C-alpha atoms as a PDB file:
ATOM      1  CA  MET A   1      67.811 146.000 102.139  1.00  0.00           C
ATOM      2  CA  LYS A   2      69.767 142.806 101.339  1.00  0.00           C
ATOM      3  CA  LYS A   3      72.876 144.816 100.503  1.00  0.00           C
ATOM      4  CA  LEU A   4      72.583 146.774 103.744  1.00  0.00           C
ATOM      5  CA  PHE A   5      72.249 143.545 105.741  1.00  0.00           C
ATOM      6  CA  LEU A   6      75.298 141.991 103.980  1.00  0.00           C
ATOM      7  CA  LEU A   7      77.362 145.133 104.620  1.00  0.00           C
ATOM      8  CA  ALA A   8      76.413 145.099 108.330  1.00  0.00           C
ATOM      9  CA  PHE A   9      77.176 141.374 108.551  1.00  0.00           C
ATOM     10  CA  CYS A  10      80.615 141.876 106.941  1.00  0.00           C
ATOM     11  CA  LEU A  11      81.427 144.746 109.309  1.00  0.00           C
ATOM     12  CA  VAL A  12      80.528 142.622 112.351  1.00  0.00           C
ATOM     13  CA  ILE A  13      82.640 139.695 111.081  1.00  0.00           C
ATOM     14  CA  CYS A  14      85.602 141.934 110.249  1.00  0.00           C
ATOM     15  CA  HIS A  15      85.382 143.690 113.617  1.00  0.00           C
ATOM     16  CA  THR A  16      85.191 140.361 115.450  1.00  0.00           C
ATOM     17  CA  SER A  17      88.179 139.010 113.490  1.00  0.00           C
ATOM     18  CA  TYR A  18      90.354 142.007 114.255  1.00  0.00           C
ATOM     19  CA  SER A  19      89.346 142.340 117.883  1.00  0.00           C
ATOM     20  CA  GLN A  20      90.733 138.984 118.982  1.00  0.00           C
ATOM     21  CA  THR A  21      92.882 139.044 122.065  1.00  0.00           C
ATOM     22  CA  GLU A  22      96.549 138.136 121.927  1.00  0.00           C
ATOM     23  CA  GLU A  23      95.704 134.886 123.726  1.00  0.00           C
ATOM     24  CA  GLU A  24      93.089 133.996 121.096  1.00  0.00           C
ATOM     25  CA  MET A  25      95.543 134.748 118.295  1.00  0.00           C
ATOM     26  CA  LYS A  26      98.147 132.466 119.915  1.00  0.00           C
ATOM     27  CA  ALA A  27      95.528 129.708 120.174  1.00  0.00           C
ATOM     28  CA  TRP A  28      94.752 130.020 116.448  1.00  0.00           C
ATOM     29  CA  GLU A  29      98.467 130.001 115.620  1.00  0.00           C
ATOM     30  CA  ALA A  30      98.964 126.812 117.670  1.00  0.00           C
ATOM     31  CA  TYR A  31      95.922 125.231 116.041  1.00  0.00           C
ATOM     32  CA  MET A  32      97.202 125.855 112.508  1.00  0.00           C
ATOM     33  CA  THR A  33     100.873 124.931 113.045  1.00  0.00           C
ATOM     34  CA  PRO A  34     101.973 121.367 112.159  1.00  0.00           C
ATOM     35  CA  THR A  35     103.359 119.441 115.147  1.00  0.00           C
ATOM     36  CA  GLU A  36     105.430 116.328 115.837  1.00  0.00           C
ATOM     37  CA  MET A  37     102.343 114.223 115.044  1.00  0.00           C
ATOM     38  CA  HIS A  38     102.218 115.795 111.571  1.00  0.00           C
ATOM     39  CA  LYS A  39     105.918 115.033 111.123  1.00  0.00           C
ATOM     40  CA  TRP A  40     105.277 111.407 112.130  1.00  0.00           C
ATOM     41  CA  LEU A  41     102.425 111.179 109.627  1.00  0.00           C
ATOM     42  CA  ALA A  42     104.745 112.535 106.925  1.00  0.00           C
ATOM     43  CA  THR A  43     107.114 109.580 107.452  1.00  0.00           C
ATOM     44  CA  LEU A  44     104.434 107.484 105.703  1.00  0.00           C
ATOM     45  CA  ASP A  45     104.585 109.637 102.564  1.00  0.00           C
ATOM     46  CA  GLY A  46     105.603 107.819  99.413  1.00  0.00           C
ATOM     47  CA  GLU A  47     104.722 104.977  97.063  1.00  0.00           C
ATOM     48  CA  TRP A  48     103.727 101.664  98.647  1.00  0.00           C
ATOM     49  CA  ASP A  49     103.032  98.118  97.475  1.00  0.00           C
ATOM     50  CA  ALA A  50     100.110  96.600  99.361  1.00  0.00           C
ATOM     51  CA  ASP A  51      99.560  92.903 100.160  1.00  0.00           C
ATOM     52  CA  ILE A  52      95.868  92.749 101.079  1.00  0.00           C
ATOM     53  CA  THR A  53      94.058  90.012 103.011  1.00  0.00           C
ATOM     54  CA  MET A  54      90.297  90.280 103.575  1.00  0.00           C
ATOM     55  CA  TRP A  55      87.976  88.137 105.667  1.00  0.00           C
ATOM     56  CA  MET A  56      84.433  88.466 104.324  1.00  0.00           C
ATOM     57  CA  ASP A  57      83.238  85.407 106.282  1.00  0.00           C
ATOM     58  CA  PRO A  58      85.332  84.173 109.232  1.00  0.00           C
ATOM     59  CA  SER A  59      84.403  80.565 108.420  1.00  0.00           C
ATOM     60  CA  GLN A  60      85.850  80.876 104.891  1.00  0.00           C
ATOM     61  CA  PRO A  61      89.425  81.318 103.667  1.00  0.00           C
ATOM     62  CA  PRO A  62      90.510  84.946 103.268  1.00  0.00           C
ATOM     63  CA  ILE A  63      90.585  86.744  99.929  1.00  0.00           C
ATOM     64  CA  LYS A  64      94.051  87.941  98.934  1.00  0.00           C
ATOM     65  CA  SER A  65      94.934  90.677  96.471  1.00  0.00           C
ATOM     66  CA  LYS A  66      97.563  93.287  95.725  1.00  0.00           C
ATOM     67  CA  GLY A  67      97.384  97.033  95.381  1.00  0.00           C
ATOM     68  CA  THR A  68      99.368 100.236  95.422  1.00  0.00           C
ATOM     69  CA  THR A  69      99.101 103.320  97.593  1.00  0.00           C
ATOM     70  CA  THR A  70     100.498 106.826  97.272  1.00  0.00           C
ATOM     71  CA  MET A  71     100.581 108.978 100.413  1.00  0.00           C
ATOM     72  CA  LYS A  72     101.435 112.662 100.390  1.00  0.00           C
ATOM     73  CA  MET A  73     101.221 115.474 102.923  1.00  0.00           C
ATOM     74  CA  ILE A  74      99.212 118.423 101.583  1.00  0.00           C
ATOM     75  CA  MET A  75      98.432 121.997 102.666  1.00  0.00           C
ATOM     76  CA  ASP A  76     101.930 122.692 103.937  1.00  0.00           C
ATOM     77  CA  GLY A  77     102.150 119.512 106.025  1.00  0.00           C
ATOM     78  CA  ARG A  78      98.773 119.771 107.754  1.00  0.00           C
ATOM     79  CA  TYR A  79      96.986 116.775 106.187  1.00  0.00           C
ATOM     80  CA  GLN A  80      97.927 113.526 104.489  1.00  0.00           C
ATOM     81  CA  HIS A  81      96.084 112.544 101.322  1.00  0.00           C
ATOM     82  CA  SER A  82      96.364 109.008  99.974  1.00  0.00           C
ATOM     83  CA  ASP A  83      95.243 107.238  96.810  1.00  0.00           C
ATOM     84  CA  HIS A  84      94.707 103.462  96.827  1.00  0.00           C
ATOM     85  CA  THR A  85      94.307 101.269  93.740  1.00  0.00           C
ATOM     86  CA  GLY A  86      93.822  97.552  93.325  1.00  0.00           C
ATOM     87  CA  GLU A  87      91.276  94.923  92.454  1.00  0.00           C
ATOM     88  CA  PHE A  88      88.449  93.407  94.469  1.00  0.00           C
ATOM     89  CA  ALA A  89      86.272  90.491  93.306  1.00  0.00           C
ATOM     90  CA  GLY A  90      87.524  90.934  89.746  1.00  0.00           C
ATOM     91  CA  MET A  91      86.657  94.640  89.650  1.00  0.00           C
ATOM     92  CA  PRO A  92      89.035  97.608  89.693  1.00  0.00           C
ATOM     93  CA  PHE A  93      89.156  99.318  93.069  1.00  0.00           C
ATOM     94  CA  TYR A  94      90.017 102.921  93.927  1.00  0.00           C
ATOM     95  CA  GLY A  95      89.943 104.595  97.344  1.00  0.00           C
ATOM     96  CA  GLN A  96      91.034 107.863  98.929  1.00  0.00           C
ATOM     97  CA  SER A  97      91.823 108.827 102.473  1.00  0.00           C
ATOM     98  CA  LEU A  98      92.459 112.093 104.232  1.00  0.00           C
ATOM     99  CA  VAL A  99      94.162 111.973 107.637  1.00  0.00           C
ATOM    100  CA  ALA A 100      94.584 114.935 109.945  1.00  0.00           C
ATOM    101  CA  PHE A 101      96.009 115.474 113.389  1.00  0.00           C
ATOM    102  CA  ASP A 102      93.692 117.989 115.049  1.00  0.00           C
ATOM    103  CA  ASN A 103      95.871 120.083 117.369  1.00  0.00           C
ATOM    104  CA  ALA A 104      92.905 121.199 119.490  1.00  0.00           C
ATOM    105  CA  LYS A 105      91.420 117.722 119.969  1.00  0.00           C
ATOM    106  CA  LYS A 106      94.871 116.075 120.207  1.00  0.00           C
ATOM    107  CA  LYS A 107      93.519 113.306 117.977  1.00  0.00           C
ATOM    108  CA  PHE A 108      93.927 111.925 114.498  1.00  0.00           C
ATOM    109  CA  ILE A 109      90.854 112.149 112.278  1.00  0.00           C
ATOM    110  CA  SER A 110      90.596 109.948 109.197  1.00  0.00           C
ATOM    111  CA  THR A 111      88.106 109.837 106.342  1.00  0.00           C
ATOM    112  CA  TRP A 112      87.787 107.084 103.739  1.00  0.00           C
ATOM    113  CA  ILE A 113      85.880 106.876 100.445  1.00  0.00           C
ATOM    114  CA  ASP A 114      86.092 104.255  97.698  1.00  0.00           C
ATOM    115  CA  THR A 115      84.469 102.854  94.588  1.00  0.00           C
ATOM    116  CA  MET A 116      82.766 100.061  96.557  1.00  0.00           C
ATOM    117  CA  GLY A 117      80.241 102.455  98.104  1.00  0.00           C
ATOM    118  CA  THR A 118      78.865 105.980  98.305  1.00  0.00           C
ATOM    119  CA  GLY A 119      79.354 106.708 102.009  1.00  0.00           C
ATOM    120  CA  VAL A 120      82.164 108.219 104.037  1.00  0.00           C
ATOM    121  CA  MET A 121      83.889 106.343 106.851  1.00  0.00           C
ATOM    122  CA  ILE A 122      85.049 108.684 109.621  1.00  0.00           C
ATOM    123  CA  LEU A 123      87.378 107.620 112.422  1.00  0.00           C
ATOM    124  CA  GLU A 124      89.221 109.291 115.318  1.00  0.00           C
ATOM    125  CA  GLY A 125      92.049 108.152 117.503  1.00  0.00           C
ATOM    126  CA  THR A 126      95.537 108.528 118.886  1.00  0.00           C
ATOM    127  CA  TYR A 127      99.132 107.452 118.310  1.00  0.00           C
ATOM    128  CA  ASP A 128     100.961 105.390 120.924  1.00  0.00           C
ATOM    129  CA  SER A 129     104.698 106.068 120.592  1.00  0.00           C
ATOM    130  CA  LYS A 130     105.631 103.048 122.777  1.00  0.00           C
ATOM    131  CA  THR A 131     103.889 100.520 120.510  1.00  0.00           C
ATOM    132  CA  LYS A 132     104.266 102.680 117.373  1.00  0.00           C
ATOM    133  CA  THR A 133     100.570 102.277 116.591  1.00  0.00           C
ATOM    134  CA  MET A 134      97.832 104.633 115.515  1.00  0.00           C
ATOM    135  CA  ASN A 135      94.496 103.370 116.883  1.00  0.00           C
ATOM    136  CA  LEU A 136      91.338 104.760 115.293  1.00  0.00           C
ATOM    137  CA  SER A 137      87.674 103.999 115.826  1.00  0.00           C
ATOM    138  CA  GLY A 138      84.499 105.184 114.156  1.00  0.00           C
ATOM    139  CA  THR A 139      81.677 104.064 111.915  1.00  0.00           C
ATOM    140  CA  MET A 140      80.971 102.947 108.390  1.00  0.00           C
ATOM    141  CA  VAL A 141      77.677 102.099 106.726  1.00  0.00           C
ATOM    142  CA  ASP A 142      76.542  98.497 106.359  1.00  0.00           C
ATOM    143  CA  PRO A 143      75.324  98.491 102.718  1.00  0.00           C
ATOM    144  CA  ILE A 144      72.847  95.672 103.416  1.00  0.00           C
ATOM    145  CA  SER A 145      70.971  97.231 106.348  1.00  0.00           C
ATOM    146  CA  GLY A 146      71.940 100.897 105.968  1.00  0.00           C
ATOM    147  CA  ALA A 147      72.861 100.915 109.670  1.00  0.00           C
ATOM    148  CA  ASP A 148      76.170 102.146 111.052  1.00  0.00           C
ATOM    149  CA  LEU A 149      78.817  99.549 111.843  1.00  0.00           C
ATOM    150  CA  ASN A 150      81.426 100.267 114.503  1.00  0.00           C
ATOM    151  CA  VAL A 151      84.933  99.823 113.146  1.00  0.00           C
ATOM    152  CA  LYS A 152      88.454  99.997 114.483  1.00  0.00           C
ATOM    153  CA  GLU A 153      91.691 100.499 112.565  1.00  0.00           C
ATOM    154  CA  VAL A 154      95.217  99.908 113.803  1.00  0.00           C
ATOM    155  CA  VAL A 155      98.245 101.136 111.855  1.00  0.00           C
ATOM    156  CA  THR A 156     101.502  99.653 113.164  1.00  0.00           C
ATOM    157  CA  TYR A 157     104.737 101.332 112.106  1.00  0.00           C
ATOM    158  CA  THR A 158     107.214  98.472 111.698  1.00  0.00           C
ATOM    159  CA  SER A 159     110.053 100.341 109.974  1.00  0.00           C
ATOM    160  CA  GLU A 160     110.760 103.300 107.729  1.00  0.00           C
ATOM    161  CA  ASP A 161     109.913 101.056 104.777  1.00  0.00           C
ATOM    162  CA  SER A 162     106.969  99.011 106.062  1.00  0.00           C
ATOM    163  CA  HIS A 163     103.818  99.266 108.117  1.00  0.00           C
ATOM    164  CA  LYS A 164     100.755  97.152 108.800  1.00  0.00           C
ATOM    165  CA  PHE A 165      97.125  98.225 108.579  1.00  0.00           C
ATOM    166  CA  GLU A 166      94.394  96.193 110.319  1.00  0.00           C
ATOM    167  CA  MET A 167      90.637  96.779 110.260  1.00  0.00           C
ATOM    168  CA  PHE A 168      88.119  95.257 112.644  1.00  0.00           C
ATOM    169  CA  ILE A 169      84.317  95.205 112.728  1.00  0.00           C
ATOM    170  CA  VAL A 170      83.295  95.799 116.350  1.00  0.00           C
ATOM    171  CA  MET A 171      80.099  94.195 117.667  1.00  0.00           C
ATOM    172  CA  GLY A 172      79.752  94.839 121.391  1.00  0.00           C
ATOM    173  CA  ASP A 173      82.824  93.317 123.049  1.00  0.00           C
ATOM    174  CA  THR A 174      83.684  91.256 119.960  1.00  0.00           C
ATOM    175  CA  GLU A 175      86.119  92.389 117.274  1.00  0.00           C
ATOM    176  CA  MET A 176      86.213  90.560 113.956  1.00  0.00           C
ATOM    177  CA  LYS A 177      89.284  91.203 111.846  1.00  0.00           C
ATOM    178  CA  SER A 178      88.055  92.059 108.359  1.00  0.00           C
ATOM    179  CA  MET A 179      91.227  93.270 106.659  1.00  0.00           C
ATOM    180  CA  GLU A 180      94.994  93.337 106.932  1.00  0.00           C
ATOM    181  CA  ILE A 181      97.312  95.189 104.580  1.00  0.00           C
ATOM    182  CA  ILE A 182     101.086  94.875 104.695  1.00  0.00           C
ATOM    183  CA  TYR A 183     102.660  97.921 103.091  1.00  0.00           C
ATOM    184  CA  ASN A 184     106.197  97.885 101.724  1.00  0.00           C
ATOM    185  CA  ARG A 185     107.762 101.032 100.342  1.00  0.00           C
ATOM    186  CA  LYS A 186     108.420 100.871  96.605  1.00  0.00           C
ATOM    187  CA  LYS A 187     112.126 100.912  95.805  1.00  0.00           C
END
């Protein structure tokens, strides 16, 4: 009976897949084809030195450190994967990000994971070609309370060989800058 059900299910799926209209096929083709936004994202590919400034408590001096980042487009230019290494509070730090431009949503989607937690930060946003900034917003977990924190990230493209990353914790109408990273392309 299970085999019969699986066979029927496969036939329905195969029939549905092959009976798409020409319009539906064009929509899928547009969805899967890298665009100008993917090409812009690819300009950030490479090896980067990172000068990191973090504000853990706005009433205290910031914590400064250095790191390195490698960014690379994957899956034929559809996504950008990045690896981040450094040190935080005397401990080695490692993080990974995956950034996509979703052609259907017309938005960037970014995920972040690192060795300082076990959650996934997910953000969405857009690129403003006039200011050369990618503005993302989303949530991350507050490890103390377990509640979601609203966050905002701004990536400012300053030149082919440098860009600035800023992260803000958003509480109502108030934004507290928690991190700034100045990236310079390795020579």
